[in-house]
Structure formats: structure tokens, C-alpha cells
C-alpha atoms as a PDB file:
ATOM      1  CA  UNK A   1       4.269 -64.429  -2.497  1.00  0.00           C
ATOM      2  CA  UNK A   2       0.702 -64.001  -3.836  1.00  0.00           C
ATOM      3  CA  UNK A   3      -0.696 -66.139  -1.087  1.00  0.00           C
ATOM      4  CA  UNK A   4       0.853 -64.014   1.768  1.00  0.00           C
ATOM      5  CA  UNK A   5      -0.855 -60.797   0.329  1.00  0.00           C
ATOM      6  CA  UNK A   6      -4.053 -62.492   0.398  1.00  0.00           C
ATOM      7  CA  UNK A   7      -3.772 -63.614   3.895  1.00  0.00           C
ATOM      8  CA  UNK A   8      -2.974 -60.172   5.216  1.00  0.00           C
ATOM      9  CA  UNK A   9      -5.779 -58.216   3.801  1.00  0.00           C
ATOM     10  CA  UNK A  10      -8.945 -58.144   5.770  1.00  0.00           C
ATOM     11  CA  UNK A  11     -11.777 -60.189   4.561  1.00  0.00           C
ATOM     12  CA  UNK A  12     -15.359 -58.761   4.581  1.00  0.00           C
ATOM     13  CA  UNK A  13     -17.604 -60.014   6.914  1.00  0.00           C
ATOM     14  CA  UNK A  14     -19.674 -62.898   6.396  1.00  0.00           C
ATOM     15  CA  UNK A  15     -21.131 -62.586   2.739  1.00  0.00           C
ATOM     16  CA  UNK A  16     -20.742 -58.810   2.818  1.00  0.00           C
ATOM     17  CA  UNK A  17     -18.423 -56.484   0.940  1.00  0.00           C
ATOM     18  CA  UNK A  18     -16.059 -53.985   2.564  1.00  0.00           C
ATOM     19  CA  UNK A  19     -17.179 -50.233   2.978  1.00  0.00           C
ATOM     20  CA  UNK A  20     -15.220 -47.862   0.854  1.00  0.00           C
ATOM     21  CA  UNK A  21     -15.450 -43.997   0.467  1.00  0.00           C
ATOM     22  CA  UNK A  22     -17.357 -41.576   2.369  1.00  0.00           C
ATOM     23  CA  UNK A  23     -21.187 -41.070   2.483  1.00  0.00           C
ATOM     24  CA  UNK A  24     -22.816 -38.075   1.099  1.00  0.00           C
ATOM     25  CA  UNK A  25     -23.417 -36.325   4.369  1.00  0.00           C
ATOM     26  CA  UNK A  26     -19.568 -36.755   5.312  1.00  0.00           C
ATOM     27  CA  UNK A  27     -18.836 -35.266   1.744  1.00  0.00           C
ATOM     28  CA  UNK A  28     -21.107 -32.154   2.316  1.00  0.00           C
ATOM     29  CA  UNK A  29     -19.695 -31.696   5.665  1.00  0.00           C
ATOM     30  CA  UNK A  30     -16.111 -31.538   4.058  1.00  0.00           C
ATOM     31  CA  UNK A  31     -17.160 -29.156   1.552  1.00  0.00           C
ATOM     32  CA  UNK A  32     -19.004 -26.806   4.020  1.00  0.00           C
ATOM     33  CA  UNK A  33     -15.862 -26.614   6.090  1.00  0.00           C
ATOM     34  CA  UNK A  34     -13.590 -26.107   3.170  1.00  0.00           C
ATOM     35  CA  UNK A  35     -15.927 -23.129   1.865  1.00  0.00           C
ATOM     36  CA  UNK A  36     -16.127 -21.614   5.356  1.00  0.00           C
ATOM     37  CA  UNK A  37     -12.220 -21.547   5.601  1.00  0.00           C
ATOM     38  CA  UNK A  38     -11.882 -20.316   2.154  1.00  0.00           C
ATOM     39  CA  UNK A  39     -14.179 -17.582   2.616  1.00  0.00           C
ATOM     40  CA  UNK A  40     -12.369 -16.502   5.873  1.00  0.00           C
ATOM     41  CA  UNK A  41      -8.850 -16.636   4.165  1.00  0.00           C
ATOM     42  CA  UNK A  42     -10.098 -14.737   1.278  1.00  0.00           C
ATOM     43  CA  UNK A  43     -11.410 -11.810   3.617  1.00  0.00           C
ATOM     44  CA  UNK A  44      -8.087 -11.959   5.377  1.00  0.00           C
ATOM     45  CA  UNK A  45      -6.099 -11.831   2.210  1.00  0.00           C
ATOM     46  CA  UNK A  46      -8.210  -8.636   0.926  1.00  0.00           C
ATOM     47  CA  UNK A  47      -7.578  -6.936   4.179  1.00  0.00           C
ATOM     48  CA  UNK A  48      -3.831  -7.796   3.973  1.00  0.00           C
ATOM     49  CA  UNK A  49      -3.629  -6.698   0.339  1.00  0.00           C
ATOM     50  CA  UNK A  50      -5.350  -3.282   1.245  1.00  0.00           C
ATOM     51  CA  UNK A  51      -2.839  -2.694   4.179  1.00  0.00           C
ATOM     52  CA  UNK A  52       0.072  -3.508   1.775  1.00  0.00           C
ATOM     53  CA  UNK A  53      -0.969  -0.883  -0.908  1.00  0.00           C
ATOM     54  CA  UNK A  54      -1.284   1.945   1.686  1.00  0.00           C
ATOM     55  CA  UNK A  55       2.075   0.872   3.193  1.00  0.00           C
ATOM     56  CA  UNK A  56       3.662   1.002  -0.181  1.00  0.00           C
ATOM     57  CA  UNK A  57       2.350   4.330  -1.167  1.00  0.00           C
ATOM     58  CA  UNK A  58       3.350   5.650   2.153  1.00  0.00           C
ATOM     59  CA  UNK A  59       6.751   4.320   1.770  1.00  0.00           C
ATOM     60  CA  UNK A  60       7.138   5.674  -1.594  1.00  0.00           C
ATOM     61  CA  UNK A  61       6.405   9.184  -0.395  1.00  0.00           C
ATOM     62  CA  UNK A  62       8.658   8.905   2.627  1.00  0.00           C
ATOM     63  CA  UNK A  63      11.476   7.979  -0.188  1.00  0.00           C
ATOM     64  CA  UNK A  64      10.405  10.945  -2.196  1.00  0.00           C
ATOM     65  CA  UNK A  65      10.604  13.312   0.735  1.00  0.00           C
ATOM     66  CA  UNK A  66      14.360  12.350   1.278  1.00  0.00           C
ATOM     67  CA  UNK A  67      15.093  12.780  -2.447  1.00  0.00           C
ATOM     68  CA  UNK A  68      13.627  16.233  -2.550  1.00  0.00           C
ATOM     69  CA  UNK A  69      15.655  17.242   0.405  1.00  0.00           C
ATOM     70  CA  UNK A  70      18.840  15.830  -1.099  1.00  0.00           C
ATOM     71  CA  UNK A  71      18.286  17.320  -4.689  1.00  0.00           C
ATOM     72  CA  UNK A  72      17.920  20.665  -2.871  1.00  0.00           C
ATOM     73  CA  UNK A  73      21.116  20.413  -0.947  1.00  0.00           C
ATOM     74  CA  UNK A  74      22.778  18.964  -3.945  1.00  0.00           C
ATOM     75  CA  UNK A  75      21.833  21.873  -6.304  1.00  0.00           C
ATOM     76  CA  UNK A  76      21.708  24.388  -3.427  1.00  0.00           C
ATOM     77  CA  UNK A  77      18.095  25.740  -4.747  1.00  0.00           C
ATOM     78  CA  UNK A  78      14.599  25.255  -3.571  1.00  0.00           C
ATOM     79  CA  UNK A  79      13.139  21.902  -4.492  1.00  0.00           C
ATOM     80  CA  UNK A  80       9.291  21.570  -4.415  1.00  0.00           C
ATOM     81  CA  UNK A  81       7.200  18.495  -3.481  1.00  0.00           C
ATOM     82  CA  UNK A  82       3.656  19.372  -4.823  1.00  0.00           C
ATOM     83  CA  UNK A  83       0.485  17.483  -4.337  1.00  0.00           C
ATOM     84  CA  UNK A  84      -1.685  17.771  -7.407  1.00  0.00           C
ATOM     85  CA  UNK A  85      -5.213  16.593  -7.945  1.00  0.00           C
ATOM     86  CA  UNK A  86      -5.627  13.895 -10.596  1.00  0.00           C
ATOM     87  CA  UNK A  87      -9.056  12.967 -11.893  1.00  0.00           C
ATOM     88  CA  UNK A  88      -8.108   9.257 -12.012  1.00  0.00           C
ATOM     89  CA  UNK A  89      -5.951   8.902  -8.935  1.00  0.00           C
ATOM     90  CA  UNK A  90      -3.416  10.669  -6.621  1.00  0.00           C
ATOM     91  CA  UNK A  91      -0.310  12.634  -7.779  1.00  0.00           C
ATOM     92  CA  UNK A  92       2.541  14.256  -6.432  1.00  0.00           C
ATOM     93  CA  UNK A  93       5.952  15.530  -7.980  1.00  0.00           C
ATOM     94  CA  UNK A  94       9.138  16.820  -7.331  1.00  0.00           C
ATOM     95  CA  UNK A  95      10.112  19.893  -9.310  1.00  0.00           C
ATOM     96  CA  UNK A  96      12.223  23.180  -9.100  1.00  0.00           C
ATOM     97  CA  UNK A  97      10.915  26.646  -9.961  1.00  0.00           C
ATOM     98  CA  UNK A  98       8.029  28.453  -8.328  1.00  0.00           C
ATOM     99  CA  UNK A  99       5.043  27.002  -6.540  1.00  0.00           C
ATOM    100  CA  UNK A 100       2.397  25.862  -8.912  1.00  0.00           C
ATOM    101  CA  UNK A 101       4.649  25.724 -12.229  1.00  0.00           C
ATOM    102  CA  UNK A 102       4.451  22.057 -12.563  1.00  0.00           C
ATOM    103  CA  UNK A 103       1.024  19.944 -12.636  1.00  0.00           C
ATOM    104  CA  UNK A 104       0.147  16.308 -13.067  1.00  0.00           C
ATOM    105  CA  UNK A 105      -1.501  15.419 -16.296  1.00  0.00           C
ATOM    106  CA  UNK A 106      -4.295  12.831 -16.581  1.00  0.00           C
ATOM    107  CA  UNK A 107      -2.083  10.059 -17.597  1.00  0.00           C
ATOM    108  CA  UNK A 108       0.649  10.961 -14.609  1.00  0.00           C
ATOM    109  CA  UNK A 109       2.904  12.993 -16.710  1.00  0.00           C
ATOM    110  CA  UNK A 110       4.481  16.310 -15.518  1.00  0.00           C
ATOM    111  CA  UNK A 111       3.589  19.504 -17.011  1.00  0.00           C
ATOM    112  CA  UNK A 112       5.807  22.321 -16.310  1.00  0.00           C
ATOM    113  CA  UNK A 113       6.479  25.729 -17.389  1.00  0.00           C
ATOM    114  CA  UNK A 114       9.845  26.578 -19.355  1.00  0.00           C
ATOM    115  CA  UNK A 115      11.490  27.764 -16.140  1.00  0.00           C
ATOM    116  CA  UNK A 116      10.807  24.780 -14.033  1.00  0.00           C
ATOM    117  CA  UNK A 117      12.102  21.334 -14.122  1.00  0.00           C
ATOM    118  CA  UNK A 118      10.049  17.898 -12.940  1.00  0.00           C
ATOM    119  CA  UNK A 119      12.590  15.623 -11.086  1.00  0.00           C
ATOM    120  CA  UNK A 120      10.092  12.801 -10.229  1.00  0.00           C
ATOM    121  CA  UNK A 121       6.366  12.322 -10.675  1.00  0.00           C
ATOM    122  CA  UNK A 122       4.494   9.774  -8.495  1.00  0.00           C
ATOM    123  CA  UNK A 123       1.043   8.828  -9.987  1.00  0.00           C
ATOM    124  CA  UNK A 124      -1.121   6.304  -8.255  1.00  0.00           C
ATOM    125  CA  UNK A 125      -4.013   5.735 -10.709  1.00  0.00           C
ATOM    126  CA  UNK A 126      -6.650   3.827  -8.590  1.00  0.00           C
ATOM    127  CA  UNK A 127      -8.260   6.272  -5.898  1.00  0.00           C
ATOM    128  CA  UNK A 128     -10.379   3.549  -4.444  1.00  0.00           C
ATOM    129  CA  UNK A 129      -7.387   1.435  -3.389  1.00  0.00           C
ATOM    130  CA  UNK A 130      -5.419   4.151  -1.533  1.00  0.00           C
ATOM    131  CA  UNK A 131      -6.478   7.782  -1.173  1.00  0.00           C
ATOM    132  CA  UNK A 132      -3.798  10.360  -0.614  1.00  0.00           C
ATOM    133  CA  UNK A 133      -4.515  13.528   1.338  1.00  0.00           C
ATOM    134  CA  UNK A 134      -2.438  16.539   2.592  1.00  0.00           C
ATOM    135  CA  UNK A 135      -2.819  19.642   4.881  1.00  0.00           C
ATOM    136  CA  UNK A 136      -0.724  21.548   2.530  1.00  0.00           C
ATOM    137  CA  UNK A 137      -0.644  22.024  -1.322  1.00  0.00           C
ATOM    138  CA  UNK A 138       3.127  22.080  -1.675  1.00  0.00           C
ATOM    139  CA  UNK A 139       6.418  21.763   0.565  1.00  0.00           C
ATOM    140  CA  UNK A 140       9.546  23.767  -0.219  1.00  0.00           C
ATOM    141  CA  UNK A 141      12.870  22.265   0.695  1.00  0.00           C
ATOM    142  CA  UNK A 142      15.737  24.825   1.276  1.00  0.00           C
ATOM    143  CA  UNK A 143      18.846  24.110  -0.745  1.00  0.00           C
ATOM    144  CA  UNK A 144      21.208  25.744   1.683  1.00  0.00           C
ATOM    145  CA  UNK A 145      19.772  24.868   5.347  1.00  0.00           C
ATOM    146  CA  UNK A 146      17.895  21.714   4.137  1.00  0.00           C
ATOM    147  CA  UNK A 147      14.846  22.647   5.966  1.00  0.00           C
ATOM    148  CA  UNK A 148      11.275  22.348   4.724  1.00  0.00           C
ATOM    149  CA  UNK A 149       8.435  24.709   5.034  1.00  0.00           C
ATOM    150  CA  UNK A 150       5.820  24.264   6.131  1.00  0.00           C
ATOM    151  CA  UNK A 151       5.688  21.256   8.308  1.00  0.00           C
ATOM    152  CA  UNK A 152       2.954  18.951   6.998  1.00  0.00           C
ATOM    153  CA  UNK A 153       0.829  15.645   7.613  1.00  0.00           C
ATOM    154  CA  UNK A 154       0.051  13.489   4.542  1.00  0.00           C
ATOM    155  CA  UNK A 155      -2.669  10.677   4.968  1.00  0.00           C
ATOM    156  CA  UNK A 156      -2.564   7.472   3.197  1.00  0.00           C
ATOM    157  CA  UNK A 157      -5.941   5.610   3.718  1.00  0.00           C
ATOM    158  CA  UNK A 158      -7.077   2.306   2.375  1.00  0.00           C
ATOM    159  CA  UNK A 159     -10.768   1.337   1.489  1.00  0.00           C
ATOM    160  CA  UNK A 160     -11.253  -0.076   4.901  1.00  0.00           C
ATOM    161  CA  UNK A 161     -10.460   3.294   6.439  1.00  0.00           C
ATOM    162  CA  UNK A 162      -7.181   2.110   8.191  1.00  0.00           C
ATOM    163  CA  UNK A 163      -4.784   4.919   7.442  1.00  0.00           C
ATOM    164  CA  UNK A 164      -1.056   5.909   7.659  1.00  0.00           C
ATOM    165  CA  UNK A 165       0.115   9.400   8.555  1.00  0.00           C
ATOM    166  CA  UNK A 166       3.564  10.696   7.280  1.00  0.00           C
ATOM    167  CA  UNK A 167       4.549  13.806   9.565  1.00  0.00           C
ATOM    168  CA  UNK A 168       7.187  15.834   7.995  1.00  0.00           C
ATOM    169  CA  UNK A 169       9.044  18.244  10.527  1.00  0.00           C
ATOM    170  CA  UNK A 170      10.614  21.494   9.464  1.00  0.00           C
ATOM    171  CA  UNK A 171      13.790  19.638   9.511  1.00  0.00           C
ATOM    172  CA  UNK A 172      12.849  17.300   6.780  1.00  0.00           C
ATOM    173  CA  UNK A 173      12.270  14.414   8.738  1.00  0.00           C
ATOM    174  CA  UNK A 174       9.417  11.989   8.377  1.00  0.00           C
ATOM    175  CA  UNK A 175       7.631  10.205  11.297  1.00  0.00           C
ATOM    176  CA  UNK A 176       5.078   7.576  10.366  1.00  0.00           C
ATOM    177  CA  UNK A 177       2.004   6.827  12.798  1.00  0.00           C
ATOM    178  CA  UNK A 178      -1.663   5.410  12.349  1.00  0.00           C
ATOM    179  CA  UNK A 179      -4.807   6.792  14.161  1.00  0.00           C
ATOM    180  CA  UNK A 180      -6.471   3.437  13.051  1.00  0.00           C
ATOM    181  CA  UNK A 181      -5.836   1.856  16.097  1.00  0.00           C
ATOM    182  CA  UNK A 182      -3.173  -1.076  16.429  1.00  0.00           C
ATOM    183  CA  UNK A 183      -1.393  -1.435  13.187  1.00  0.00           C
ATOM    184  CA  UNK A 184       2.022  -3.464  13.524  1.00  0.00           C
ATOM    185  CA  UNK A 185       5.160  -1.475  13.156  1.00  0.00           C
ATOM    186  CA  UNK A 186       3.436   1.786  13.422  1.00  0.00           C
ATOM    187  CA  UNK A 187       2.933   3.894  16.597  1.00  0.00           C
ATOM    188  CA  UNK A 188      -0.505   5.755  17.340  1.00  0.00           C
ATOM    189  CA  UNK A 189      -1.007   9.289  16.302  1.00  0.00           C
END
């Protein structure tokens, strides 16, 4: 059996040895190609991650709008969704009571006056990842009609400037769009 193996393996040319491995130039070419592909995929991954962060915050906000409307109808009282400045990020909260009666602390906790109650606090501590801005300071959800005053637009933007807008109608419906050009899953604003 051993003799068959020896006969099947190619023999080196007369007196020389068979060439094995790759040359230094071939190795450098492979390394350059691999590093170029890694850099391109890393940049794409960072863009994807930033976009995912914007979508996550926008989806959480849309959920909180529906929660505020549901709480108002269940309690038959006004529930507010307030945008509060936070020194280390974005913050909004759902609460009962008069406008401005609850605020976000630096740690993302709700600080409310005795006549008010906080239902939910959303605190996003990294302002450089996702920026939140709104054209209003507070939304009031009516507990009898289920309407919202005033209508509003809330902008969620990433570090690359790409943004998702959540437009809240007087009926409490949320419409998502993007002013940033083509973005899969979103209509243009």
C-alpha cells in the first residue's frame, strides 16, 4: 500500500524541490485586499448601527404615544407626553397633572409635583448617537375624545444627519417619514 502512495504523488523535476506556499508579494496582496474589505464592511456596519439606533428610538416614541392615548382613555383624564431637556441626552415622559408638573432628572428619573403622577420615563443618555427634537414641549391626550393637542412633529436624527420624523395628528395617529432621502421602510416627508 505504501508503494501506491509513492507512485501517485508527483515527483519534483530533475533534482529540484516542489514549490510550496506563497510568495511575499502574494501574501501582501491578500493582506491588502482583506484590509480593504474589512474597512469597507466596518464603515457599512457603523452606518447600519447608527440607523438602527434612530429606528429604535423612533419606534419607542411611537409606542409611548399609543400608551399615552390608551392611559388617557382608560382613566378618562388628560395624560401628557412632555419633552424635557436632559443635560446628558434626550428625555420624554408620560404623566398626569398640569403641564410642566413633571421633569426628568439627570439620571433619567421623573421628578413630579405631589398632584402629578409619572407613568413612564424614556431617557436616552447618549446625545451623540440619536438626537431628539420636537416642535412642541408637551402633548395633551384627552381622556374623553382620545384626541391630542397640539399636532406635532418629532425628529430623530443620527450622527450622519439621517433622520426619521414622527408626525402626530390630532387624532393621536403617528405617521413616520424621512426627509433624508431614500430610507427603506419610510416614505419621504
